[in-house]
Amino acid sequence: MREFQAGPPGRLRVLPRGAKILYTAFVLATLAGLLVSWRLYGAAVGEAGPAVYYAGAPAASPASAPGPSAGGGPAIELAPDDARPRVIVAEIPERKLLEVTHFHLFSIPVYVLVLAHLWLLAKIPPWLQTAGVVAAVAASGLHIAAPWIARGRPGLAFLVGTSGAAMLLTLGAIAVVSMVDMWLPGPPPGQALAELRKRAAAERSSPGSRG
């Protein structure tokens, strides 16, 4: 009883089994989507980096020094332009970037909204709930804006990968913790209802709620 009263009532634990199965399927799809998005970013940007992909910045190419030929004969010195490996620089068109941003603006906020609601229903300290929501909103918002930041300032192109990694870790942690908490044993229904009523009464009688 003391352990149950130490934090929020943990409303995820008293959900019907059907709701738990539904939310668990959503969380698993969320984790798969995060991993696929990370792989897709690597496939789209490639080794050239986000500055090349989003802003068309020159790709860095390693200097090549003349070496011995395969047959042991004299090395052939090539002109600088011929010695450098050819790197295809394909800056993403502005229309495509607008389409991607349009899609993200209508999908990522809903994605974060559902996960954050599960997170707020988990039995964790209130300060951790707030910190998790702030981190999720900040990481996802920066990730939506990062391609445009990289396009205008190629020197800040690292924000694309950094914000993606932050979103992957933050939303992944929120999803896993919520799913695990959901399937932990919950209190009896009467005890959970009494705890909720007690908390609501305490909030109504607090000095801050009167103002």
N, C-alpha and C. Protein backbone atom coordinates (compact mmCIF):
# COMPACT_ATOMS: atom_id res chain seq x y z
N MET A 1 0.83 -1.20 0.00
CA MET A 1 0.00 0.00 0.00
C MET A 1 0.86 1.25 0.00
N ARG A 2 1.91 1.25 0.76
CA ARG A 2 2.80 2.40 0.82
C ARG A 2 3.49 2.60 -0.52
N GLU A 3 3.88 1.50 -1.18
CA GLU A 3 4.54 1.61 -2.48
C GLU A 3 3.60 2.19 -3.52
N PHE A 4 2.33 1.83 -3.44
CA PHE A 4 1.36 2.32 -4.42
C PHE A 4 1.09 3.80 -4.23
N GLN A 5 1.11 4.28 -3.00
CA GLN A 5 0.83 5.68 -2.73
C GLN A 5 2.04 6.57 -2.95
N ALA A 6 3.21 5.97 -3.22
CA ALA A 6 4.42 6.77 -3.34
C ALA A 6 4.45 7.60 -4.62
N GLY A 7 3.66 7.26 -5.61
CA GLY A 7 3.67 7.98 -6.87
C GLY A 7 2.29 8.08 -7.45
N PRO A 8 2.20 8.40 -8.76
CA PRO A 8 0.90 8.47 -9.42
C PRO A 8 0.19 7.12 -9.37
N PRO A 9 -1.12 7.10 -9.60
CA PRO A 9 -1.87 5.86 -9.44
C PRO A 9 -1.55 4.79 -10.47
N GLY A 10 -0.84 5.10 -11.53
CA GLY A 10 -0.49 4.09 -12.50
C GLY A 10 -1.71 3.56 -13.24
N ARG A 11 -2.41 4.45 -13.94
CA ARG A 11 -3.67 4.08 -14.58
C ARG A 11 -3.48 3.13 -15.75
N LEU A 12 -2.27 3.02 -16.29
CA LEU A 12 -2.04 2.04 -17.36
C LEU A 12 -2.25 0.61 -16.86
N ARG A 13 -1.96 0.37 -15.59
CA ARG A 13 -2.01 -0.99 -15.06
C ARG A 13 -3.44 -1.49 -14.86
N VAL A 14 -4.41 -0.59 -14.83
CA VAL A 14 -5.79 -1.02 -14.61
C VAL A 14 -6.60 -1.02 -15.90
N LEU A 15 -5.92 -0.88 -17.05
CA LEU A 15 -6.63 -0.93 -18.32
C LEU A 15 -7.14 -2.34 -18.61
N PRO A 16 -8.20 -2.48 -19.38
CA PRO A 16 -8.65 -3.81 -19.80
C PRO A 16 -7.59 -4.48 -20.66
N ARG A 17 -7.62 -5.79 -20.70
CA ARG A 17 -6.61 -6.53 -21.44
C ARG A 17 -6.62 -6.17 -22.93
N GLY A 18 -7.81 -5.97 -23.49
CA GLY A 18 -7.88 -5.59 -24.90
C GLY A 18 -7.18 -4.28 -25.18
N ALA A 19 -7.33 -3.29 -24.28
CA ALA A 19 -6.66 -2.00 -24.45
C ALA A 19 -5.15 -2.16 -24.34
N LYS A 20 -4.70 -3.02 -23.43
CA LYS A 20 -3.26 -3.25 -23.29
C LYS A 20 -2.68 -3.87 -24.55
N ILE A 21 -3.40 -4.81 -25.14
CA ILE A 21 -2.93 -5.43 -26.38
C ILE A 21 -2.86 -4.39 -27.50
N LEU A 22 -3.88 -3.53 -27.58
CA LEU A 22 -3.89 -2.50 -28.61
C LEU A 22 -2.74 -1.53 -28.44
N TYR A 23 -2.53 -1.04 -27.22
CA TYR A 23 -1.45 -0.09 -26.98
C TYR A 23 -0.08 -0.74 -27.14
N THR A 24 0.04 -2.01 -26.77
CA THR A 24 1.30 -2.71 -26.95
C THR A 24 1.64 -2.83 -28.43
N ALA A 25 0.63 -3.15 -29.26
CA ALA A 25 0.86 -3.21 -30.71
C ALA A 25 1.31 -1.85 -31.24
N PHE A 26 0.72 -0.77 -30.73
CA PHE A 26 1.12 0.57 -31.17
C PHE A 26 2.56 0.86 -30.76
N VAL A 27 2.93 0.49 -29.54
CA VAL A 27 4.30 0.75 -29.07
C VAL A 27 5.30 -0.05 -29.90
N LEU A 28 5.00 -1.31 -30.20
CA LEU A 28 5.92 -2.12 -31.00
C LEU A 28 6.06 -1.53 -32.41
N ALA A 29 4.95 -1.08 -32.98
CA ALA A 29 5.03 -0.42 -34.29
C ALA A 29 5.84 0.87 -34.21
N THR A 30 5.72 1.58 -33.09
CA THR A 30 6.49 2.80 -32.87
C THR A 30 7.99 2.51 -32.86
N LEU A 31 8.39 1.49 -32.12
CA LEU A 31 9.80 1.14 -32.06
C LEU A 31 10.33 0.72 -33.42
N ALA A 32 9.53 -0.06 -34.15
CA ALA A 32 9.95 -0.47 -35.50
C ALA A 32 10.07 0.75 -36.41
N GLY A 33 9.13 1.69 -36.29
CA GLY A 33 9.19 2.89 -37.11
C GLY A 33 10.41 3.74 -36.82
N LEU A 34 10.79 3.84 -35.55
CA LEU A 34 11.99 4.61 -35.20
C LEU A 34 13.24 3.99 -35.81
N LEU A 35 13.35 2.67 -35.75
CA LEU A 35 14.53 2.00 -36.31
C LEU A 35 14.56 2.12 -37.83
N VAL A 36 13.40 1.96 -38.46
CA VAL A 36 13.35 2.09 -39.92
C VAL A 36 13.69 3.51 -40.35
N SER A 37 13.21 4.51 -39.61
CA SER A 37 13.52 5.90 -39.93
C SER A 37 15.02 6.16 -39.84
N TRP A 38 15.65 5.58 -38.85
CA TRP A 38 17.09 5.77 -38.69
C TRP A 38 17.85 5.14 -39.86
N ARG A 39 17.42 3.94 -40.29
CA ARG A 39 18.06 3.29 -41.43
C ARG A 39 17.79 4.07 -42.72
N LEU A 40 16.58 4.60 -42.85
CA LEU A 40 16.24 5.38 -44.03
C LEU A 40 17.08 6.65 -44.11
N TYR A 41 17.32 7.28 -42.97
CA TYR A 41 18.17 8.48 -42.96
C TYR A 41 19.58 8.13 -43.45
N GLY A 42 20.12 7.02 -42.98
CA GLY A 42 21.45 6.62 -43.42
C GLY A 42 21.50 6.29 -44.90
N ALA A 43 20.44 5.67 -45.42
CA ALA A 43 20.42 5.33 -46.84
C ALA A 43 20.25 6.57 -47.71
N ALA A 44 19.47 7.55 -47.25
CA ALA A 44 19.23 8.76 -48.04
C ALA A 44 20.43 9.69 -48.04
N VAL A 45 20.99 9.92 -46.86
CA VAL A 45 22.09 10.88 -46.75
C VAL A 45 23.40 10.26 -47.23
N GLY A 46 23.63 8.98 -46.87
CA GLY A 46 24.84 8.31 -47.30
C GLY A 46 26.07 8.81 -46.58
N GLU A 47 27.23 8.48 -47.15
CA GLU A 47 28.50 8.87 -46.52
C GLU A 47 28.83 10.34 -46.73
N ALA A 48 28.17 10.99 -47.69
CA ALA A 48 28.48 12.40 -47.95
C ALA A 48 28.08 13.30 -46.79
N GLY A 49 27.02 12.93 -46.05
CA GLY A 49 26.61 13.72 -44.90
C GLY A 49 25.43 14.61 -45.19
N PRO A 50 24.76 15.09 -44.14
CA PRO A 50 23.56 15.92 -44.33
C PRO A 50 23.84 17.27 -44.98
N ALA A 51 25.04 17.82 -44.81
CA ALA A 51 25.33 19.12 -45.43
C ALA A 51 25.28 19.02 -46.95
N VAL A 52 25.73 17.89 -47.49
CA VAL A 52 25.69 17.69 -48.94
C VAL A 52 24.26 17.44 -49.40
N TYR A 53 23.54 16.61 -48.63
CA TYR A 53 22.19 16.21 -49.05
C TYR A 53 21.20 17.36 -48.97
N TYR A 54 21.27 18.15 -47.91
CA TYR A 54 20.27 19.21 -47.72
C TYR A 54 20.69 20.56 -48.29
N ALA A 55 22.00 20.84 -48.31
CA ALA A 55 22.44 22.16 -48.74
C ALA A 55 23.30 22.14 -49.99
N GLY A 56 23.64 20.96 -50.50
CA GLY A 56 24.48 20.88 -51.68
C GLY A 56 25.90 21.32 -51.44
N ALA A 57 26.37 21.21 -50.19
CA ALA A 57 27.74 21.61 -49.87
C ALA A 57 28.72 20.66 -50.55
N PRO A 58 29.92 21.14 -50.86
CA PRO A 58 30.91 20.26 -51.50
C PRO A 58 31.24 19.07 -50.60
N ALA A 59 31.30 17.90 -51.18
CA ALA A 59 31.63 16.70 -50.43
C ALA A 59 33.13 16.60 -50.27
N ALA A 60 33.57 16.28 -49.06
CA ALA A 60 35.00 16.11 -48.79
C ALA A 60 35.48 14.82 -49.41
N SER A 61 36.58 14.88 -50.10
CA SER A 61 37.15 13.68 -50.72
C SER A 61 38.58 13.52 -50.26
N PRO A 62 39.00 12.33 -49.87
CA PRO A 62 40.36 12.13 -49.40
C PRO A 62 41.36 12.30 -50.52
N ALA A 63 42.49 12.90 -50.19
CA ALA A 63 43.56 13.08 -51.17
C ALA A 63 44.18 11.75 -51.48
N SER A 64 44.47 11.54 -52.73
CA SER A 64 45.07 10.28 -53.15
C SER A 64 46.50 10.52 -53.60
N ALA A 65 47.39 9.73 -53.13
CA ALA A 65 48.80 9.85 -53.47
C ALA A 65 49.16 8.79 -54.49
N PRO A 66 50.09 9.07 -55.41
CA PRO A 66 50.48 8.07 -56.39
C PRO A 66 51.16 6.90 -55.72
N GLY A 67 50.89 5.73 -56.18
CA GLY A 67 51.47 4.53 -55.60
C GLY A 67 51.98 3.64 -56.70
N PRO A 68 52.61 2.55 -56.34
CA PRO A 68 53.13 1.61 -57.34
C PRO A 68 52.00 0.94 -58.08
N SER A 69 52.23 0.64 -59.35
CA SER A 69 51.22 -0.03 -60.15
C SER A 69 51.13 -1.49 -59.74
N ALA A 70 50.07 -2.16 -60.22
CA ALA A 70 49.85 -3.54 -59.83
C ALA A 70 50.96 -4.44 -60.30
N GLY A 71 51.58 -4.14 -61.46
CA GLY A 71 52.63 -5.01 -61.97
C GLY A 71 54.01 -4.65 -61.48
N GLY A 72 54.12 -3.69 -60.61
CA GLY A 72 55.43 -3.31 -60.08
C GLY A 72 56.14 -2.28 -60.92
N GLY A 73 55.49 -1.76 -61.98
CA GLY A 73 56.10 -0.76 -62.84
C GLY A 73 56.01 0.62 -62.24
N PRO A 74 56.39 1.60 -62.99
CA PRO A 74 56.33 2.98 -62.47
C PRO A 74 54.90 3.44 -62.27
N ALA A 75 54.71 4.27 -61.28
CA ALA A 75 53.38 4.80 -60.98
C ALA A 75 53.04 5.92 -61.95
N ILE A 76 51.78 6.04 -62.28
CA ILE A 76 51.32 7.07 -63.19
C ILE A 76 50.70 8.20 -62.37
N GLU A 77 51.26 9.38 -62.52
CA GLU A 77 50.72 10.53 -61.79
C GLU A 77 49.57 11.11 -62.59
N LEU A 78 48.43 11.21 -61.95
CA LEU A 78 47.24 11.74 -62.59
C LEU A 78 47.06 13.20 -62.26
N ALA A 79 46.33 13.89 -63.08
CA ALA A 79 46.00 15.28 -62.80
C ALA A 79 45.12 15.34 -61.56
N PRO A 80 45.14 16.46 -60.82
CA PRO A 80 44.34 16.53 -59.59
C PRO A 80 42.88 16.19 -59.80
N ASP A 81 42.27 16.65 -60.91
CA ASP A 81 40.86 16.37 -61.15
C ASP A 81 40.62 14.89 -61.40
N ASP A 82 41.58 14.23 -62.05
CA ASP A 82 41.43 12.80 -62.33
C ASP A 82 41.76 11.95 -61.12
N ALA A 83 42.59 12.47 -60.23
CA ALA A 83 42.99 11.68 -59.06
C ALA A 83 41.90 11.61 -58.01
N ARG A 84 41.05 12.66 -57.96
CA ARG A 84 40.00 12.67 -56.95
C ARG A 84 38.87 11.75 -57.34
N PRO A 85 38.35 10.96 -56.39
CA PRO A 85 37.20 10.10 -56.70
C PRO A 85 35.97 10.95 -56.99
N ARG A 86 35.20 10.49 -57.95
CA ARG A 86 33.98 11.20 -58.31
C ARG A 86 32.91 10.97 -57.26
N VAL A 87 32.40 12.04 -56.69
CA VAL A 87 31.34 11.97 -55.69
C VAL A 87 30.11 12.67 -56.23
N ILE A 88 29.00 11.97 -56.29
CA ILE A 88 27.77 12.56 -56.79
C ILE A 88 27.17 13.44 -55.69
N VAL A 89 27.01 14.71 -55.98
CA VAL A 89 26.42 15.65 -55.04
C VAL A 89 24.98 15.91 -55.49
N ALA A 90 24.03 15.41 -54.73
CA ALA A 90 22.62 15.56 -55.10
C ALA A 90 21.89 16.28 -53.98
N GLU A 91 21.77 17.58 -54.14
CA GLU A 91 21.02 18.35 -53.14
C GLU A 91 19.53 18.06 -53.29
N ILE A 92 18.86 17.86 -52.17
CA ILE A 92 17.44 17.57 -52.20
C ILE A 92 16.68 18.79 -52.72
N PRO A 93 15.77 18.62 -53.67
CA PRO A 93 15.01 19.77 -54.17
C PRO A 93 14.14 20.37 -53.07
N GLU A 94 13.89 21.67 -53.20
CA GLU A 94 13.10 22.35 -52.18
C GLU A 94 11.68 21.79 -52.12
N ARG A 95 11.12 21.43 -53.26
CA ARG A 95 9.76 20.89 -53.25
C ARG A 95 9.70 19.57 -52.49
N LYS A 96 10.70 18.72 -52.69
CA LYS A 96 10.71 17.45 -51.97
C LYS A 96 10.87 17.68 -50.47
N LEU A 97 11.71 18.66 -50.11
CA LEU A 97 11.88 18.97 -48.69
C LEU A 97 10.59 19.51 -48.10
N LEU A 98 9.85 20.30 -48.86
CA LEU A 98 8.55 20.78 -48.40
C LEU A 98 7.56 19.62 -48.22
N GLU A 99 7.59 18.66 -49.13
CA GLU A 99 6.70 17.52 -49.01
C GLU A 99 7.02 16.68 -47.78
N VAL A 100 8.31 16.47 -47.53
CA VAL A 100 8.72 15.70 -46.36
C VAL A 100 8.33 16.43 -45.08
N THR A 101 8.55 17.75 -45.04
CA THR A 101 8.19 18.53 -43.86
C THR A 101 6.68 18.52 -43.65
N HIS A 102 5.92 18.64 -44.74
CA HIS A 102 4.47 18.61 -44.65
C HIS A 102 4.00 17.29 -44.05
N PHE A 103 4.59 16.19 -44.50
CA PHE A 103 4.23 14.88 -43.98
C PHE A 103 4.60 14.75 -42.50
N HIS A 104 5.78 15.23 -42.16
CA HIS A 104 6.24 15.14 -40.76
C HIS A 104 5.37 15.97 -39.82
N LEU A 105 4.95 17.15 -40.28
CA LEU A 105 4.15 18.02 -39.42
C LEU A 105 2.79 17.41 -39.10
N PHE A 106 2.29 16.54 -39.95
CA PHE A 106 0.99 15.93 -39.71
C PHE A 106 1.11 14.52 -39.13
N SER A 107 2.31 14.01 -38.96
CA SER A 107 2.47 12.65 -38.43
C SER A 107 3.24 12.62 -37.11
N ILE A 108 4.37 13.30 -37.03
CA ILE A 108 5.20 13.23 -35.83
C ILE A 108 4.47 13.80 -34.60
N PRO A 109 3.76 14.96 -34.68
CA PRO A 109 3.05 15.43 -33.49
C PRO A 109 2.02 14.44 -32.97
N VAL A 110 1.30 13.75 -33.87
CA VAL A 110 0.33 12.74 -33.42
C VAL A 110 1.06 11.57 -32.78
N TYR A 111 2.16 11.20 -33.37
CA TYR A 111 3.02 10.13 -32.87
C TYR A 111 3.46 10.44 -31.43
N VAL A 112 3.95 11.66 -31.23
CA VAL A 112 4.41 12.08 -29.90
C VAL A 112 3.23 12.20 -28.95
N LEU A 113 2.09 12.69 -29.44
CA LEU A 113 0.92 12.88 -28.59
C LEU A 113 0.45 11.57 -27.97
N VAL A 114 0.35 10.52 -28.78
CA VAL A 114 -0.12 9.22 -28.27
C VAL A 114 0.88 8.65 -27.27
N LEU A 115 2.17 8.67 -27.64
CA LEU A 115 3.17 8.12 -26.71
C LEU A 115 3.23 8.92 -25.41
N ALA A 116 3.13 10.24 -25.51
CA ALA A 116 3.18 11.06 -24.30
C ALA A 116 1.99 10.80 -23.39
N HIS A 117 0.82 10.53 -23.95
CA HIS A 117 -0.33 10.21 -23.11
C HIS A 117 -0.12 8.89 -22.38
N LEU A 118 0.44 7.90 -23.05
CA LEU A 118 0.76 6.65 -22.36
C LEU A 118 1.78 6.90 -21.26
N TRP A 119 2.76 7.74 -21.55
CA TRP A 119 3.80 8.07 -20.57
C TRP A 119 3.20 8.76 -19.35
N LEU A 120 2.25 9.66 -19.56
CA LEU A 120 1.63 10.38 -18.45
C LEU A 120 0.71 9.50 -17.62
N LEU A 121 0.28 8.37 -18.18
CA LEU A 121 -0.56 7.43 -17.43
C LEU A 121 0.25 6.38 -16.69
N ALA A 122 1.56 6.35 -16.92
CA ALA A 122 2.41 5.36 -16.26
C ALA A 122 2.67 5.76 -14.81
N LYS A 123 3.02 4.79 -14.01
CA LYS A 123 3.28 5.02 -12.59
C LYS A 123 4.74 5.42 -12.39
N ILE A 124 5.03 6.68 -12.68
CA ILE A 124 6.36 7.24 -12.52
C ILE A 124 6.23 8.60 -11.84
N PRO A 125 7.30 9.12 -11.25
CA PRO A 125 7.22 10.41 -10.55
C PRO A 125 6.78 11.54 -11.49
N PRO A 126 6.03 12.50 -10.97
CA PRO A 126 5.56 13.61 -11.82
C PRO A 126 6.67 14.38 -12.51
N TRP A 127 7.81 14.59 -11.81
CA TRP A 127 8.90 15.35 -12.43
C TRP A 127 9.46 14.60 -13.64
N LEU A 128 9.48 13.27 -13.56
CA LEU A 128 9.98 12.48 -14.69
C LEU A 128 8.98 12.50 -15.84
N GLN A 129 7.69 12.53 -15.52
CA GLN A 129 6.69 12.66 -16.57
C GLN A 129 6.88 13.97 -17.34
N THR A 130 7.05 15.07 -16.60
CA THR A 130 7.24 16.36 -17.25
C THR A 130 8.53 16.39 -18.07
N ALA A 131 9.61 15.87 -17.50
CA ALA A 131 10.89 15.86 -18.21
C ALA A 131 10.80 15.04 -19.50
N GLY A 132 10.11 13.91 -19.45
CA GLY A 132 9.98 13.08 -20.63
C GLY A 132 9.18 13.78 -21.73
N VAL A 133 8.10 14.46 -21.36
CA VAL A 133 7.29 15.18 -22.35
C VAL A 133 8.10 16.31 -22.97
N VAL A 134 8.82 17.07 -22.15
CA VAL A 134 9.62 18.18 -22.67
C VAL A 134 10.70 17.66 -23.62
N ALA A 135 11.36 16.57 -23.24
CA ALA A 135 12.41 16.01 -24.09
C ALA A 135 11.84 15.50 -25.41
N ALA A 136 10.69 14.85 -25.36
CA ALA A 136 10.08 14.32 -26.58
C ALA A 136 9.66 15.44 -27.52
N VAL A 137 9.03 16.48 -26.97
CA VAL A 137 8.58 17.60 -27.80
C VAL A 137 9.78 18.35 -28.39
N ALA A 138 10.81 18.59 -27.57
CA ALA A 138 11.97 19.33 -28.05
C ALA A 138 12.72 18.55 -29.13
N ALA A 139 12.94 17.25 -28.91
CA ALA A 139 13.70 16.45 -29.87
C ALA A 139 12.94 16.33 -31.19
N SER A 140 11.64 16.07 -31.12
CA SER A 140 10.87 15.92 -32.36
C SER A 140 10.74 17.25 -33.10
N GLY A 141 10.54 18.35 -32.38
CA GLY A 141 10.46 19.65 -33.03
C GLY A 141 11.76 20.03 -33.71
N LEU A 142 12.88 19.77 -33.05
CA LEU A 142 14.18 20.08 -33.65
C LEU A 142 14.43 19.20 -34.87
N HIS A 143 13.98 17.95 -34.82
CA HIS A 143 14.21 17.05 -35.94
C HIS A 143 13.40 17.48 -37.17
N ILE A 144 12.21 18.03 -36.95
CA ILE A 144 11.43 18.53 -38.08
C ILE A 144 12.10 19.76 -38.70
N ALA A 145 12.66 20.61 -37.86
CA ALA A 145 13.27 21.85 -38.35
C ALA A 145 14.70 21.66 -38.83
N ALA A 146 15.37 20.58 -38.42
CA ALA A 146 16.80 20.40 -38.71
C ALA A 146 17.14 20.42 -40.20
N PRO A 147 16.35 19.77 -41.10
CA PRO A 147 16.71 19.86 -42.52
C PRO A 147 16.73 21.28 -43.06
N TRP A 148 15.82 22.12 -42.61
CA TRP A 148 15.81 23.51 -43.07
C TRP A 148 16.97 24.30 -42.48
N ILE A 149 17.32 23.97 -41.24
CA ILE A 149 18.49 24.62 -40.64
C ILE A 149 19.75 24.23 -41.40
N ALA A 150 19.87 22.95 -41.74
CA ALA A 150 21.03 22.48 -42.49
C ALA A 150 21.08 23.09 -43.88
N ARG A 151 19.91 23.31 -44.48
CA ARG A 151 19.87 23.89 -45.82
C ARG A 151 20.36 25.34 -45.80
N GLY A 152 20.00 26.09 -44.77
CA GLY A 152 20.43 27.47 -44.68
C GLY A 152 21.82 27.64 -44.11
N ARG A 153 22.19 26.74 -43.21
CA ARG A 153 23.51 26.81 -42.58
C ARG A 153 24.14 25.42 -42.58
N PRO A 154 24.89 25.07 -43.61
CA PRO A 154 25.48 23.73 -43.69
C PRO A 154 26.36 23.37 -42.50
N GLY A 155 26.91 24.37 -41.83
CA GLY A 155 27.73 24.08 -40.67
C GLY A 155 26.96 23.47 -39.51
N LEU A 156 25.63 23.65 -39.52
CA LEU A 156 24.77 23.08 -38.47
C LEU A 156 24.08 21.80 -38.94
N ALA A 157 24.59 21.20 -40.00
CA ALA A 157 23.96 19.99 -40.54
C ALA A 157 24.00 18.82 -39.56
N PHE A 158 24.91 18.87 -38.59
CA PHE A 158 24.98 17.78 -37.61
C PHE A 158 23.70 17.68 -36.79
N LEU A 159 22.90 18.76 -36.77
CA LEU A 159 21.65 18.73 -36.00
C LEU A 159 20.67 17.71 -36.55
N VAL A 160 20.79 17.37 -37.83
CA VAL A 160 19.87 16.40 -38.42
C VAL A 160 20.06 15.04 -37.75
N GLY A 161 21.29 14.57 -37.72
CA GLY A 161 21.55 13.28 -37.08
C GLY A 161 21.42 13.32 -35.57
N THR A 162 21.85 14.44 -34.97
CA THR A 162 21.78 14.55 -33.51
C THR A 162 20.34 14.57 -33.02
N SER A 163 19.50 15.35 -33.70
CA SER A 163 18.09 15.40 -33.29
C SER A 163 17.39 14.08 -33.56
N GLY A 164 17.77 13.40 -34.63
CA GLY A 164 17.20 12.09 -34.91
C GLY A 164 17.57 11.08 -33.85
N ALA A 165 18.84 11.10 -33.42
CA ALA A 165 19.26 10.19 -32.36
C ALA A 165 18.56 10.52 -31.04
N ALA A 166 18.40 11.82 -30.75
CA ALA A 166 17.70 12.22 -29.53
C ALA A 166 16.25 11.78 -29.55
N MET A 167 15.60 11.91 -30.71
CA MET A 167 14.21 11.48 -30.81
C MET A 167 14.10 9.97 -30.70
N LEU A 168 15.05 9.25 -31.29
CA LEU A 168 15.06 7.79 -31.21
C LEU A 168 15.19 7.33 -29.76
N LEU A 169 16.11 7.92 -29.02
CA LEU A 169 16.33 7.52 -27.63
C LEU A 169 15.17 7.94 -26.73
N THR A 170 14.70 9.18 -26.91
CA THR A 170 13.64 9.69 -26.04
C THR A 170 12.32 8.95 -26.24
N LEU A 171 11.86 8.89 -27.49
CA LEU A 171 10.60 8.21 -27.76
C LEU A 171 10.71 6.71 -27.54
N GLY A 172 11.88 6.15 -27.81
CA GLY A 172 12.07 4.73 -27.54
C GLY A 172 11.97 4.41 -26.06
N ALA A 173 12.59 5.26 -25.22
CA ALA A 173 12.51 5.05 -23.77
C ALA A 173 11.08 5.23 -23.28
N ILE A 174 10.38 6.26 -23.78
CA ILE A 174 8.99 6.48 -23.37
C ILE A 174 8.12 5.29 -23.76
N ALA A 175 8.33 4.76 -24.97
CA ALA A 175 7.53 3.63 -25.44
C ALA A 175 7.79 2.38 -24.61
N VAL A 176 9.06 2.08 -24.35
CA VAL A 176 9.40 0.85 -23.62
C VAL A 176 8.92 0.92 -22.17
N VAL A 177 9.17 2.06 -21.50
CA VAL A 177 8.75 2.20 -20.10
C VAL A 177 7.24 2.11 -19.98
N SER A 178 6.52 2.76 -20.90
CA SER A 178 5.05 2.72 -20.85
C SER A 178 4.54 1.30 -21.07
N MET A 179 5.13 0.58 -22.01
CA MET A 179 4.68 -0.77 -22.30
C MET A 179 4.95 -1.70 -21.12
N VAL A 180 6.13 -1.58 -20.51
CA VAL A 180 6.45 -2.43 -19.36
C VAL A 180 5.53 -2.12 -18.19
N ASP A 181 5.34 -0.83 -17.91
CA ASP A 181 4.46 -0.44 -16.80
C ASP A 181 3.04 -0.92 -17.02
N MET A 182 2.60 -0.92 -18.27
CA MET A 182 1.24 -1.32 -18.59
C MET A 182 0.94 -2.76 -18.16
N TRP A 183 1.94 -3.63 -18.28
CA TRP A 183 1.73 -5.05 -18.01
C TRP A 183 2.14 -5.47 -16.60
N LEU A 184 2.58 -4.52 -15.78
CA LEU A 184 2.88 -4.85 -14.39
C LEU A 184 1.57 -5.03 -13.61
N PRO A 185 1.59 -5.83 -12.56
CA PRO A 185 0.35 -6.03 -11.77
C PRO A 185 -0.14 -4.71 -11.19
N GLY A 186 -1.41 -4.47 -11.35
CA GLY A 186 -2.01 -3.25 -10.83
C GLY A 186 -2.74 -3.49 -9.53
N PRO A 187 -3.15 -2.44 -8.84
CA PRO A 187 -3.89 -2.58 -7.59
C PRO A 187 -5.32 -3.05 -7.88
N PRO A 188 -6.01 -3.53 -6.89
CA PRO A 188 -7.43 -3.89 -7.08
C PRO A 188 -8.21 -2.68 -7.57
N PRO A 189 -9.27 -2.88 -8.37
CA PRO A 189 -10.03 -1.74 -8.92
C PRO A 189 -10.53 -0.78 -7.85
N GLY A 190 -11.01 -1.30 -6.72
CA GLY A 190 -11.51 -0.42 -5.67
C GLY A 190 -10.40 0.44 -5.08
N GLN A 191 -9.23 -0.13 -4.92
CA GLN A 191 -8.11 0.62 -4.36
C GLN A 191 -7.65 1.71 -5.34
N ALA A 192 -7.62 1.38 -6.63
CA ALA A 192 -7.21 2.38 -7.62
C ALA A 192 -8.20 3.53 -7.66
N LEU A 193 -9.50 3.23 -7.61
CA LEU A 193 -10.51 4.28 -7.63
C LEU A 193 -10.42 5.16 -6.39
N ALA A 194 -10.19 4.54 -5.24
CA ALA A 194 -10.05 5.32 -4.01
C ALA A 194 -8.84 6.23 -4.07
N GLU A 195 -7.75 5.74 -4.66
CA GLU A 195 -6.54 6.56 -4.77
C GLU A 195 -6.78 7.75 -5.69
N LEU A 196 -7.49 7.52 -6.79
CA LEU A 196 -7.79 8.61 -7.71
C LEU A 196 -8.66 9.67 -7.05
N ARG A 197 -9.68 9.23 -6.30
CA ARG A 197 -10.55 10.19 -5.61
C ARG A 197 -9.78 10.96 -4.55
N LYS A 198 -8.90 10.28 -3.86
CA LYS A 198 -8.10 10.94 -2.82
C LYS A 198 -7.19 11.99 -3.44
N ARG A 199 -6.58 11.66 -4.57
CA ARG A 199 -5.69 12.61 -5.23
C ARG A 199 -6.48 13.81 -5.76
N ALA A 200 -7.67 13.55 -6.33
CA ALA A 200 -8.48 14.65 -6.86
C ALA A 200 -8.93 15.58 -5.73
N ALA A 201 -9.30 15.00 -4.58
CA ALA A 201 -9.71 15.82 -3.45
C ALA A 201 -8.54 16.66 -2.93
N ALA A 202 -7.34 16.06 -2.91
CA ALA A 202 -6.17 16.81 -2.45
C ALA A 202 -5.85 17.96 -3.38
N GLU A 203 -6.02 17.75 -4.69
CA GLU A 203 -5.74 18.82 -5.65
C GLU A 203 -6.77 19.95 -5.52
N ARG A 204 -8.03 19.61 -5.25
CA ARG A 204 -9.05 20.66 -5.11
C ARG A 204 -8.86 21.48 -3.83
N SER A 205 -8.34 20.84 -2.80
CA SER A 205 -8.17 21.54 -1.53
C SER A 205 -6.83 22.24 -1.40
N SER A 206 -5.95 22.10 -2.41
CA SER A 206 -4.64 22.73 -2.34
C SER A 206 -4.79 24.24 -2.50
N PRO A 207 -3.88 25.05 -1.91
CA PRO A 207 -3.98 26.53 -2.02
C PRO A 207 -3.93 27.01 -3.46
N GLY A 208 -3.13 26.35 -4.29
CA GLY A 208 -3.00 26.82 -5.67
C GLY A 208 -4.27 26.65 -6.48
N SER A 209 -5.09 25.64 -6.17
CA SER A 209 -6.31 25.42 -6.93
C SER A 209 -7.41 26.43 -6.57
N ARG A 210 -7.31 27.06 -5.41
CA ARG A 210 -8.32 28.03 -5.01
C ARG A 210 -8.17 29.34 -5.74
N GLY A 211 -6.94 29.66 -6.15
CA GLY A 211 -6.73 30.93 -6.83
C GLY A 211 -7.20 30.87 -8.24
